[in-house]
Amino acid sequence: MKPVSTILRSKPDQVIHTIAPSTMMREALEAMAYHDIGALLVPEGERIVGIVTERDYARKGALMGRDSHETPVSALMTAPVMYVSLQESNENCMALMTEHRLRHRR
């Protein structure tokens, strides 16, 4: 059983990409495309208040006719964010993801 910390240290890109809740969704989509990622954390001060994903935009934005130029990230982000400690095992993480129907990317 590998702890989360070991898995994260093995990633070539260890940058955590974020975006402000007041930023328009178009900018979030451009940032995800530029960095070839599917999600951005949404901090407010020192707290993580949400996460916004390509899926959030597809389901809550585009399908509902919302314009990405006029819709703030805060309107589409998923909150609250689930997280685990760095000591959590990969098996426990996968079980949580299955139980809560969560996805992941790279």
PDB file of N, CA and C in Angstrom:
ATOM      1  N   MET A   1       0.842  -1.186   0.000  1.00  0.00           N
ATOM      2  CA  MET A   1       0.000   0.000   0.000  1.00  0.00           C
ATOM      3  C   MET A   1       0.884   1.245   0.000  1.00  0.00           C
ATOM      4  N   LYS A   2       0.774   2.026  -1.051  1.00  0.00           N
ATOM      5  CA  LYS A   2       1.531   3.269  -1.149  1.00  0.00           C
ATOM      6  C   LYS A   2       0.761   4.417  -0.515  1.00  0.00           C
ATOM      7  N   PRO A   3       1.461   5.255   0.233  1.00  0.00           N
ATOM      8  CA  PRO A   3       0.775   6.453   0.729  1.00  0.00           C
ATOM      9  C   PRO A   3       0.658   7.496  -0.379  1.00  0.00           C
ATOM     10  N   VAL A   4      -0.309   8.376  -0.244  1.00  0.00           N
ATOM     11  CA  VAL A   4      -0.539   9.443  -1.215  1.00  0.00           C
ATOM     12  C   VAL A   4       0.740  10.255  -1.450  1.00  0.00           C
ATOM     13  N   SER A   5       1.500  10.518  -0.389  1.00  0.00           N
ATOM     14  CA  SER A   5       2.722  11.328  -0.528  1.00  0.00           C
ATOM     15  C   SER A   5       3.692  10.722  -1.523  1.00  0.00           C
ATOM     16  N   THR A   6       3.832   9.410  -1.551  1.00  0.00           N
ATOM     17  CA  THR A   6       4.735   8.746  -2.497  1.00  0.00           C
ATOM     18  C   THR A   6       4.243   8.912  -3.924  1.00  0.00           C
ATOM     19  N   ILE A   7       2.953   8.779  -4.120  1.00  0.00           N
ATOM     20  CA  ILE A   7       2.370   8.922  -5.460  1.00  0.00           C
ATOM     21  C   ILE A   7       2.566  10.350  -5.965  1.00  0.00           C
ATOM     22  N   LEU A   8       2.293  11.332  -5.121  1.00  0.00           N
ATOM     23  CA  LEU A   8       2.424  12.732  -5.535  1.00  0.00           C
ATOM     24  C   LEU A   8       3.866  13.108  -5.851  1.00  0.00           C
ATOM     25  N   ARG A   9       4.813  12.590  -5.085  1.00  0.00           N
ATOM     26  CA  ARG A   9       6.235  12.887  -5.350  1.00  0.00           C
ATOM     27  C   ARG A   9       6.698  12.311  -6.683  1.00  0.00           C
ATOM     28  N   SER A  10       6.023  11.282  -7.186  1.00  0.00           N
ATOM     29  CA  SER A  10       6.435  10.658  -8.447  1.00  0.00           C
ATOM     30  C   SER A  10       5.925  11.413  -9.672  1.00  0.00           C
ATOM     31  N   LYS A  11       5.038  12.373  -9.479  1.00  0.00           N
ATOM     32  CA  LYS A  11       4.473  13.141 -10.594  1.00  0.00           C
ATOM     33  C   LYS A  11       5.522  14.090 -11.158  1.00  0.00           C
ATOM     34  N   PRO A  12       5.653  14.160 -12.487  1.00  0.00           N
ATOM     35  CA  PRO A  12       6.628  15.088 -13.070  1.00  0.00           C
ATOM     36  C   PRO A  12       6.260  16.558 -12.850  1.00  0.00           C
ATOM     37  N   ASP A  13       4.962  16.869 -12.887  1.00  0.00           N
ATOM     38  CA  ASP A  13       4.508  18.246 -12.671  1.00  0.00           C
ATOM     39  C   ASP A  13       3.875  18.321 -11.293  1.00  0.00           C
ATOM     40  N   GLN A  14       4.555  18.940 -10.352  1.00  0.00           N
ATOM     41  CA  GLN A  14       4.066  18.998  -8.984  1.00  0.00           C
ATOM     42  C   GLN A  14       3.399  20.334  -8.659  1.00  0.00           C
ATOM     43  N   VAL A  15       3.109  21.108  -9.694  1.00  0.00           N
ATOM     44  CA  VAL A  15       2.445  22.390  -9.507  1.00  0.00           C
ATOM     45  C   VAL A  15       0.961  22.154  -9.229  1.00  0.00           C
ATOM     46  N   ILE A  16       0.426  22.887  -8.270  1.00  0.00           N
ATOM     47  CA  ILE A  16      -1.006  22.849  -7.996  1.00  0.00           C
ATOM     48  C   ILE A  16      -1.609  24.082  -8.662  1.00  0.00           C
ATOM     49  N   HIS A  17      -2.424  23.867  -9.666  1.00  0.00           N
ATOM     50  CA  HIS A  17      -3.019  24.961 -10.428  1.00  0.00           C
ATOM     51  C   HIS A  17      -4.317  25.406  -9.760  1.00  0.00           C
ATOM     52  N   THR A  18      -4.466  26.713  -9.618  1.00  0.00           N
ATOM     53  CA  THR A  18      -5.629  27.280  -8.932  1.00  0.00           C
ATOM     54  C   THR A  18      -6.235  28.403  -9.764  1.00  0.00           C
ATOM     55  N   ILE A  19      -7.444  28.784  -9.370  1.00  0.00           N
ATOM     56  CA  ILE A  19      -8.110  29.921 -10.002  1.00  0.00           C
ATOM     57  C   ILE A  19      -9.061  30.558  -8.984  1.00  0.00           C
ATOM     58  N   ALA A  20      -9.201  31.850  -9.044  1.00  0.00           N
ATOM     59  CA  ALA A  20     -10.064  32.568  -8.098  1.00  0.00           C
ATOM     60  C   ALA A  20     -11.534  32.299  -8.397  1.00  0.00           C
ATOM     61  N   PRO A  21     -12.381  32.272  -7.372  1.00  0.00           N
ATOM     62  CA  PRO A  21     -13.806  32.001  -7.584  1.00  0.00           C
ATOM     63  C   PRO A  21     -14.504  33.037  -8.449  1.00  0.00           C
ATOM     64  N   SER A  22     -13.995  34.265  -8.475  1.00  0.00           N
ATOM     65  CA  SER A  22     -14.632  35.329  -9.251  1.00  0.00           C
ATOM     66  C   SER A  22     -14.196  35.354 -10.720  1.00  0.00           C
ATOM     67  N   THR A  23     -13.220  34.544 -11.076  1.00  0.00           N
ATOM     68  CA  THR A  23     -12.736  34.483 -12.457  1.00  0.00           C
ATOM     69  C   THR A  23     -13.811  33.890 -13.362  1.00  0.00           C
ATOM     70  N   MET A  24     -13.910  34.407 -14.565  1.00  0.00           N
ATOM     71  CA  MET A  24     -14.891  33.873 -15.504  1.00  0.00           C
ATOM     72  C   MET A  24     -14.476  32.471 -15.960  1.00  0.00           C
ATOM     73  N   MET A  25     -15.456  31.644 -16.203  1.00  0.00           N
ATOM     74  CA  MET A  25     -15.228  30.256 -16.567  1.00  0.00           C
ATOM     75  C   MET A  25     -14.381  30.119 -17.829  1.00  0.00           C
ATOM     76  N   ARG A  26     -14.491  31.053 -18.749  1.00  0.00           N
ATOM     77  CA  ARG A  26     -13.697  30.992 -19.981  1.00  0.00           C
ATOM     78  C   ARG A  26     -12.203  30.945 -19.660  1.00  0.00           C
ATOM     79  N   GLU A  27     -11.776  31.782 -18.709  1.00  0.00           N
ATOM     80  CA  GLU A  27     -10.365  31.808 -18.315  1.00  0.00           C
ATOM     81  C   GLU A  27      -9.963  30.485 -17.654  1.00  0.00           C
ATOM     82  N   ALA A  28     -10.859  29.902 -16.883  1.00  0.00           N
ATOM     83  CA  ALA A  28     -10.583  28.602 -16.261  1.00  0.00           C
ATOM     84  C   ALA A  28     -10.403  27.525 -17.325  1.00  0.00           C
ATOM     85  N   LEU A  29     -11.275  27.525 -18.329  1.00  0.00           N
ATOM     86  CA  LEU A  29     -11.171  26.555 -19.413  1.00  0.00           C
ATOM     87  C   LEU A  29      -9.874  26.729 -20.194  1.00  0.00           C
ATOM     88  N   GLU A  30      -9.491  27.975 -20.434  1.00  0.00           N
ATOM     89  CA  GLU A  30      -8.233  28.246 -21.139  1.00  0.00           C
ATOM     90  C   GLU A  30      -7.041  27.758 -20.323  1.00  0.00           C
ATOM     91  N   ALA A  31      -7.067  27.966 -18.998  1.00  0.00           N
ATOM     92  CA  ALA A  31      -5.972  27.515 -18.135  1.00  0.00           C
ATOM     93  C   ALA A  31      -5.880  25.988 -18.134  1.00  0.00           C
ATOM     94  N   MET A  32      -7.019  25.313 -18.066  1.00  0.00           N
ATOM     95  CA  MET A  32      -6.998  23.847 -18.097  1.00  0.00           C
ATOM     96  C   MET A  32      -6.453  23.341 -19.425  1.00  0.00           C
ATOM     97  N   ALA A  33      -6.859  23.963 -20.515  1.00  0.00           N
ATOM     98  CA  ALA A  33      -6.360  23.551 -21.833  1.00  0.00           C
ATOM     99  C   ALA A  33      -4.852  23.795 -21.947  1.00  0.00           C
ATOM    100  N   TYR A  34      -4.405  24.944 -21.501  1.00  0.00           N
ATOM    101  CA  TYR A  34      -2.988  25.297 -21.593  1.00  0.00           C
ATOM    102  C   TYR A  34      -2.115  24.320 -20.794  1.00  0.00           C
ATOM    103  N   HIS A  35      -2.567  23.955 -19.603  1.00  0.00           N
ATOM    104  CA  HIS A  35      -1.781  23.072 -18.742  1.00  0.00           C
ATOM    105  C   HIS A  35      -2.095  21.591 -18.979  1.00  0.00           C
ATOM    106  N   ASP A  36      -3.022  21.302 -19.887  1.00  0.00           N
ATOM    107  CA  ASP A  36      -3.441  19.938 -20.196  1.00  0.00           C
ATOM    108  C   ASP A  36      -3.894  19.205 -18.929  1.00  0.00           C
ATOM    109  N   ILE A  37      -4.787  19.870 -18.192  1.00  0.00           N
ATOM    110  CA  ILE A  37      -5.351  19.308 -16.971  1.00  0.00           C
ATOM    111  C   ILE A  37      -6.868  19.406 -17.036  1.00  0.00           C
ATOM    112  N   GLY A  38      -7.538  18.678 -16.168  1.00  0.00           N
ATOM    113  CA  GLY A  38      -8.998  18.668 -16.208  1.00  0.00           C
ATOM    114  C   GLY A  38      -9.670  19.353 -15.041  1.00  0.00           C
ATOM    115  N   ALA A  39      -8.864  19.949 -14.126  1.00  0.00           N
ATOM    116  CA  ALA A  39      -9.462  20.574 -12.944  1.00  0.00           C
ATOM    117  C   ALA A  39      -8.533  21.626 -12.362  1.00  0.00           C
ATOM    118  N   LEU A  40      -9.132  22.586 -11.683  1.00  0.00           N
ATOM    119  CA  LEU A  40      -8.397  23.628 -10.968  1.00  0.00           C
ATOM    120  C   LEU A  40      -8.971  23.746  -9.565  1.00  0.00           C
ATOM    121  N   LEU A  41      -8.091  23.867  -8.580  1.00  0.00           N
ATOM    122  CA  LEU A  41      -8.562  24.145  -7.224  1.00  0.00           C
ATOM    123  C   LEU A  41      -8.974  25.602  -7.131  1.00  0.00           C
ATOM    124  N   VAL A  42      -9.961  25.877  -6.301  1.00  0.00           N
ATOM    125  CA  VAL A  42     -10.482  27.233  -6.137  1.00  0.00           C
ATOM    126  C   VAL A  42     -10.256  27.670  -4.684  1.00  0.00           C
ATOM    127  N   PRO A  43      -9.186  28.459  -4.455  1.00  0.00           N
ATOM    128  CA  PRO A  43      -8.932  28.937  -3.094  1.00  0.00           C
ATOM    129  C   PRO A  43      -9.575  30.289  -2.841  1.00  0.00           C
ATOM    130  N   GLU A  44      -9.816  30.548  -1.568  1.00  0.00           N
ATOM    131  CA  GLU A  44     -10.253  31.869  -1.129  1.00  0.00           C
ATOM    132  C   GLU A  44      -9.447  32.139   0.135  1.00  0.00           C
ATOM    133  N   GLY A  45      -8.469  33.010   0.023  1.00  0.00           N
ATOM    134  CA  GLY A  45      -7.525  33.184   1.115  1.00  0.00           C
ATOM    135  C   GLY A  45      -6.718  31.910   1.273  1.00  0.00           C
ATOM    136  N   GLU A  46      -6.675  31.382   2.478  1.00  0.00           N
ATOM    137  CA  GLU A  46      -5.921  30.149   2.761  1.00  0.00           C
ATOM    138  C   GLU A  46      -6.770  28.883   2.653  1.00  0.00           C
ATOM    139  N   ARG A  47      -8.067  29.044   2.377  1.00  0.00           N
ATOM    140  CA  ARG A  47      -8.982  27.893   2.311  1.00  0.00           C
ATOM    141  C   ARG A  47      -9.256  27.477   0.877  1.00  0.00           C
ATOM    142  N   ILE A  48      -9.426  26.186   0.662  1.00  0.00           N
ATOM    143  CA  ILE A  48      -9.893  25.670  -0.618  1.00  0.00           C
ATOM    144  C   ILE A  48     -11.421  25.635  -0.523  1.00  0.00           C
ATOM    145  N   VAL A  49     -12.076  26.447  -1.348  1.00  0.00           N
ATOM    146  CA  VAL A  49     -13.539  26.539  -1.278  1.00  0.00           C
ATOM    147  C   VAL A  49     -14.233  25.695  -2.340  1.00  0.00           C
ATOM    148  N   GLY A  50     -13.467  25.193  -3.311  1.00  0.00           N
ATOM    149  CA  GLY A  50     -14.080  24.383  -4.352  1.00  0.00           C
ATOM    150  C   GLY A  50     -13.046  23.840  -5.318  1.00  0.00           C
ATOM    151  N   ILE A  51     -13.552  23.118  -6.290  1.00  0.00           N
ATOM    152  CA  ILE A  51     -12.753  22.617  -7.405  1.00  0.00           C
ATOM    153  C   ILE A  51     -13.633  22.756  -8.636  1.00  0.00           C
ATOM    154  N   VAL A  52     -13.054  23.201  -9.729  1.00  0.00           N
ATOM    155  CA  VAL A  52     -13.819  23.336 -10.967  1.00  0.00           C
ATOM    156  C   VAL A  52     -13.182  22.435 -12.012  1.00  0.00           C
ATOM    157  N   THR A  53     -14.024  21.701 -12.719  1.00  0.00           N
ATOM    158  CA  THR A  53     -13.549  20.725 -13.690  1.00  0.00           C
ATOM    159  C   THR A  53     -14.177  20.969 -15.061  1.00  0.00           C
ATOM    160  N   GLU A  54     -13.579  20.337 -16.061  1.00  0.00           N
ATOM    161  CA  GLU A  54     -14.168  20.389 -17.400  1.00  0.00           C
ATOM    162  C   GLU A  54     -15.587  19.831 -17.359  1.00  0.00           C
ATOM    163  N   ARG A  55     -15.778  18.797 -16.568  1.00  0.00           N
ATOM    164  CA  ARG A  55     -17.101  18.175 -16.439  1.00  0.00           C
ATOM    165  C   ARG A  55     -18.103  19.145 -15.812  1.00  0.00           C
ATOM    166  N   ASP A  56     -17.660  19.937 -14.818  1.00  0.00           N
ATOM    167  CA  ASP A  56     -18.549  20.942 -14.228  1.00  0.00           C
ATOM    168  C   ASP A  56     -19.066  21.881 -15.315  1.00  0.00           C
ATOM    169  N   TYR A  57     -18.160  22.338 -16.180  1.00  0.00           N
ATOM    170  CA  TYR A  57     -18.594  23.257 -17.238  1.00  0.00           C
ATOM    171  C   TYR A  57     -19.518  22.555 -18.229  1.00  0.00           C
ATOM    172  N   ALA A  58     -19.157  21.345 -18.622  1.00  0.00           N
ATOM    173  CA  ALA A  58     -19.976  20.630 -19.598  1.00  0.00           C
ATOM    174  C   ALA A  58     -21.397  20.417 -19.096  1.00  0.00           C
ATOM    175  N   ARG A  59     -21.531  20.034 -17.836  1.00  0.00           N
ATOM    176  CA  ARG A  59     -22.852  19.682 -17.298  1.00  0.00           C
ATOM    177  C   ARG A  59     -23.622  20.858 -16.716  1.00  0.00           C
ATOM    178  N   LYS A  60     -22.924  21.765 -16.032  1.00  0.00           N
ATOM    179  CA  LYS A  60     -23.611  22.872 -15.366  1.00  0.00           C
ATOM    180  C   LYS A  60     -23.551  24.170 -16.166  1.00  0.00           C
ATOM    181  N   GLY A  61     -22.684  24.204 -17.145  1.00  0.00           N
ATOM    182  CA  GLY A  61     -22.507  25.408 -17.935  1.00  0.00           C
ATOM    183  C   GLY A  61     -23.056  25.252 -19.335  1.00  0.00           C
ATOM    184  N   ALA A  62     -22.321  24.545 -20.183  1.00  0.00           N
ATOM    185  CA  ALA A  62     -22.678  24.424 -21.599  1.00  0.00           C
ATOM    186  C   ALA A  62     -24.065  23.834 -21.806  1.00  0.00           C
ATOM    187  N   LEU A  63     -24.382  22.742 -21.128  1.00  0.00           N
ATOM    188  CA  LEU A  63     -25.689  22.111 -21.314  1.00  0.00           C
ATOM    189  C   LEU A  63     -26.842  22.972 -20.815  1.00  0.00           C
ATOM    190  N   MET A  64     -26.546  23.889 -19.914  1.00  0.00           N
ATOM    191  CA  MET A  64     -27.570  24.778 -19.376  1.00  0.00           C
ATOM    192  C   MET A  64     -27.594  26.120 -20.108  1.00  0.00           C
ATOM    193  N   GLY A  65     -26.761  26.240 -21.149  1.00  0.00           N
ATOM    194  CA  GLY A  65     -26.757  27.455 -21.954  1.00  0.00           C
ATOM    195  C   GLY A  65     -26.045  28.632 -21.313  1.00  0.00           C
ATOM    196  N   ARG A  66     -25.170  28.383 -20.365  1.00  0.00           N
ATOM    197  CA  ARG A  66     -24.455  29.471 -19.688  1.00  0.00           C
ATOM    198  C   ARG A  66     -23.228  29.860 -20.495  1.00  0.00           C
ATOM    199  N   ASP A  67     -23.010  31.133 -20.654  1.00  0.00           N
ATOM    200  CA  ASP A  67     -21.888  31.668 -21.416  1.00  0.00           C
ATOM    201  C   ASP A  67     -20.633  31.669 -20.552  1.00  0.00           C
ATOM    202  N   SER A  68     -19.567  31.034 -21.025  1.00  0.00           N
ATOM    203  CA  SER A  68     -18.334  30.935 -20.243  1.00  0.00           C
ATOM    204  C   SER A  68     -17.685  32.297 -20.018  1.00  0.00           C
ATOM    205  N   HIS A  69     -17.997  33.273 -20.872  1.00  0.00           N
ATOM    206  CA  HIS A  69     -17.443  34.632 -20.716  1.00  0.00           C
ATOM    207  C   HIS A  69     -18.145  35.403 -19.596  1.00  0.00           C
ATOM    208  N   GLU A  70     -19.344  34.961 -19.218  1.00  0.00           N
ATOM    209  CA  GLU A  70     -20.149  35.697 -18.245  1.00  0.00           C
ATOM    210  C   GLU A  70     -20.449  34.912 -16.970  1.00  0.00           C
ATOM    211  N   THR A  71     -19.942  33.687 -16.875  1.00  0.00           N
ATOM    212  CA  THR A  71     -20.230  32.840 -15.724  1.00  0.00           C
ATOM    213  C   THR A  71     -18.985  32.703 -14.857  1.00  0.00           C
ATOM    214  N   PRO A  72     -19.072  33.106 -13.580  1.00  0.00           N
ATOM    215  CA  PRO A  72     -17.899  32.963 -12.716  1.00  0.00           C
ATOM    216  C   PRO A  72     -17.684  31.500 -12.308  1.00  0.00           C
ATOM    217  N   VAL A  73     -16.449  31.184 -12.029  1.00  0.00           N
ATOM    218  CA  VAL A  73     -16.080  29.848 -11.571  1.00  0.00           C
ATOM    219  C   VAL A  73     -16.940  29.441 -10.379  1.00  0.00           C
ATOM    220  N   SER A  74     -17.200  30.358  -9.470  1.00  0.00           N
ATOM    221  CA  SER A  74     -17.963  30.045  -8.256  1.00  0.00           C
ATOM    222  C   SER A  74     -19.362  29.501  -8.556  1.00  0.00           C
ATOM    223  N   ALA A  75     -19.916  29.841  -9.699  1.00  0.00           N
ATOM    224  CA  ALA A  75     -21.255  29.378 -10.050  1.00  0.00           C
ATOM    225  C   ALA A  75     -21.279  27.921 -10.501  1.00  0.00           C
ATOM    226  N   LEU A  76     -20.127  27.400 -10.937  1.00  0.00           N
ATOM    227  CA  LEU A  76     -20.088  26.047 -11.486  1.00  0.00           C
ATOM    228  C   LEU A  76     -19.221  25.079 -10.696  1.00  0.00           C
ATOM    229  N   MET A  77     -18.393  25.580  -9.792  1.00  0.00           N
ATOM    230  CA  MET A  77     -17.452  24.724  -9.072  1.00  0.00           C
ATOM    231  C   MET A  77     -18.182  23.734  -8.167  1.00  0.00           C
ATOM    232  N   THR A  78     -17.499  22.664  -7.852  1.00  0.00           N
ATOM    233  CA  THR A  78     -17.997  21.672  -6.913  1.00  0.00           C
ATOM    234  C   THR A  78     -17.463  22.023  -5.529  1.00  0.00           C
ATOM    235  N   ALA A  79     -18.353  22.051  -4.562  1.00  0.00           N
ATOM    236  CA  ALA A  79     -17.965  22.364  -3.186  1.00  0.00           C
ATOM    237  C   ALA A  79     -18.890  21.601  -2.251  1.00  0.00           C
ATOM    238  N   PRO A  80     -18.424  21.193  -1.099  1.00  0.00           N
ATOM    239  CA  PRO A  80     -17.048  21.284  -0.622  1.00  0.00           C
ATOM    240  C   PRO A  80     -16.160  20.249  -1.308  1.00  0.00           C
ATOM    241  N   VAL A  81     -14.857  20.418  -1.162  1.00  0.00           N
ATOM    242  CA  VAL A  81     -13.872  19.516  -1.761  1.00  0.00           C
ATOM    243  C   VAL A  81     -13.532  18.416  -0.764  1.00  0.00           C
ATOM    244  N   MET A  82     -13.563  17.180  -1.235  1.00  0.00           N
ATOM    245  CA  MET A  82     -13.122  16.061  -0.392  1.00  0.00           C
ATOM    246  C   MET A  82     -11.608  15.942  -0.528  1.00  0.00           C
ATOM    247  N   TYR A  83     -10.962  15.567   0.551  1.00  0.00           N
ATOM    248  CA  TYR A  83      -9.517  15.381   0.513  1.00  0.00           C
ATOM    249  C   TYR A  83      -9.101  14.351   1.545  1.00  0.00           C
ATOM    250  N   VAL A  84      -7.869  13.876   1.410  1.00  0.00           N
ATOM    251  CA  VAL A  84      -7.292  12.916   2.352  1.00  0.00           C
ATOM    252  C   VAL A  84      -5.940  13.439   2.806  1.00  0.00           C
ATOM    253  N   SER A  85      -5.403  12.834   3.836  1.00  0.00           N
ATOM    254  CA  SER A  85      -4.071  13.221   4.312  1.00  0.00           C
ATOM    255  C   SER A  85      -3.011  12.574   3.419  1.00  0.00           C
ATOM    256  N   LEU A  86      -1.804  13.082   3.488  1.00  0.00           N
ATOM    257  CA  LEU A  86      -0.701  12.538   2.700  1.00  0.00           C
ATOM    258  C   LEU A  86      -0.342  11.116   3.121  1.00  0.00           C
ATOM    259  N   GLN A  87      -0.745  10.714   4.304  1.00  0.00           N
ATOM    260  CA  GLN A  87      -0.431   9.375   4.789  1.00  0.00           C
ATOM    261  C   GLN A  87      -1.468   8.334   4.348  1.00  0.00           C
ATOM    262  N   GLU A  88      -2.575   8.781   3.770  1.00  0.00           N
ATOM    263  CA  GLU A  88      -3.637   7.853   3.349  1.00  0.00           C
ATOM    264  C   GLU A  88      -3.102   6.903   2.288  1.00  0.00           C
ATOM    265  N   SER A  89      -3.551   5.668   2.322  1.00  0.00           N
ATOM    266  CA  SER A  89      -3.091   4.682   1.327  1.00  0.00           C
ATOM    267  C   SER A  89      -3.843   4.851   0.013  1.00  0.00           C
ATOM    268  N   ASN A  90      -3.201   4.422  -1.069  1.00  0.00           N
ATOM    269  CA  ASN A  90      -3.860   4.503  -2.367  1.00  0.00           C
ATOM    270  C   ASN A  90      -5.115   3.631  -2.415  1.00  0.00           C
ATOM    271  N   GLU A  91      -5.110   2.492  -1.710  1.00  0.00           N
ATOM    272  CA  GLU A  91      -6.282   1.622  -1.695  1.00  0.00           C
ATOM    273  C   GLU A  91      -7.467   2.327  -1.026  1.00  0.00           C
ATOM    274  N   ASN A  92      -7.220   3.004   0.091  1.00  0.00           N
ATOM    275  CA  ASN A  92      -8.306   3.729   0.755  1.00  0.00           C
ATOM    276  C   ASN A  92      -8.815   4.877  -0.112  1.00  0.00           C
ATOM    277  N   CYS A  93      -7.901   5.534  -0.814  1.00  0.00           N
ATOM    278  CA  CYS A  93      -8.309   6.620  -1.717  1.00  0.00           C
ATOM    279  C   CYS A  93      -9.208   6.088  -2.821  1.00  0.00           C
ATOM    280  N   MET A  94      -8.826   4.978  -3.414  1.00  0.00           N
ATOM    281  CA  MET A  94      -9.637   4.408  -4.486  1.00  0.00           C
ATOM    282  C   MET A  94     -11.010   3.977  -3.966  1.00  0.00           C
ATOM    283  N   ALA A  95     -11.052   3.440  -2.755  1.00  0.00           N
ATOM    284  CA  ALA A  95     -12.341   3.038  -2.181  1.00  0.00           C
ATOM    285  C   ALA A  95     -13.235   4.263  -1.966  1.00  0.00           C
ATOM    286  N   LEU A  96     -12.656   5.359  -1.467  1.00  0.00           N
ATOM    287  CA  LEU A  96     -13.427   6.594  -1.286  1.00  0.00           C
ATOM    288  C   LEU A  96     -13.928   7.135  -2.618  1.00  0.00           C
ATOM    289  N   MET A  97     -13.070   7.084  -3.624  1.00  0.00           N
ATOM    290  CA  MET A  97     -13.455   7.587  -4.938  1.00  0.00           C
ATOM    291  C   MET A  97     -14.595   6.763  -5.527  1.00  0.00           C
ATOM    292  N   THR A  98     -14.531   5.465  -5.354  1.00  0.00           N
ATOM    293  CA  THR A  98     -15.600   4.594  -5.841  1.00  0.00           C
ATOM    294  C   THR A  98     -16.894   4.861  -5.076  1.00  0.00           C
ATOM    295  N   GLU A  99     -16.791   4.943  -3.764  1.00  0.00           N
ATOM    296  CA  GLU A  99     -17.972   5.169  -2.922  1.00  0.00           C
ATOM    297  C   GLU A  99     -18.676   6.477  -3.249  1.00  0.00           C
ATOM    298  N   HIS A 100     -17.897   7.521  -3.516  1.00  0.00           N
ATOM    299  CA  HIS A 100     -18.477   8.843  -3.772  1.00  0.00           C
ATOM    300  C   HIS A 100     -18.573   9.190  -5.258  1.00  0.00           C
ATOM    301  N   ARG A 101     -18.251   8.209  -6.110  1.00  0.00           N
ATOM    302  CA  ARG A 101     -18.332   8.376  -7.564  1.00  0.00           C
ATOM    303  C   ARG A 101     -17.511   9.571  -8.038  1.00  0.00           C
ATOM    304  N   LEU A 102     -16.245   9.618  -7.596  1.00  0.00           N
ATOM    305  CA  LEU A 102     -15.329  10.685  -7.978  1.00  0.00           C
ATOM    306  C   LEU A 102     -14.395  10.197  -9.054  1.00  0.00           C
ATOM    307  N   ARG A 103     -13.915  11.132  -9.857  1.00  0.00           N
ATOM    308  CA  ARG A 103     -12.960  10.808 -10.920  1.00  0.00           C
ATOM    309  C   ARG A 103     -11.621  11.427 -10.593  1.00  0.00           C
ATOM    310  N   HIS A 104     -10.647  11.048 -11.348  1.00  0.00           N
ATOM    311  CA  HIS A 104      -9.329  11.661 -11.202  1.00  0.00           C
ATOM    312  C   HIS A 104      -8.666  11.716 -12.568  1.00  0.00           C
ATOM    313  N   ARG A 105      -7.637  12.502 -12.647  1.00  0.00           N
ATOM    314  CA  ARG A 105      -6.871  12.611 -13.888  1.00  0.00           C
ATOM    315  C   ARG A 105      -5.411  12.751 -13.519  1.00  0.00           C
ATOM    316  N   ARG A 106      -4.595  12.006 -14.189  1.00  0.00           N
ATOM    317  CA  ARG A 106      -3.136  12.008 -14.000  1.00  0.00           C
ATOM    318  C   ARG A 106      -2.749  12.413 -12.634  1.00  0.00           C
TER     319      ARG A 106
END
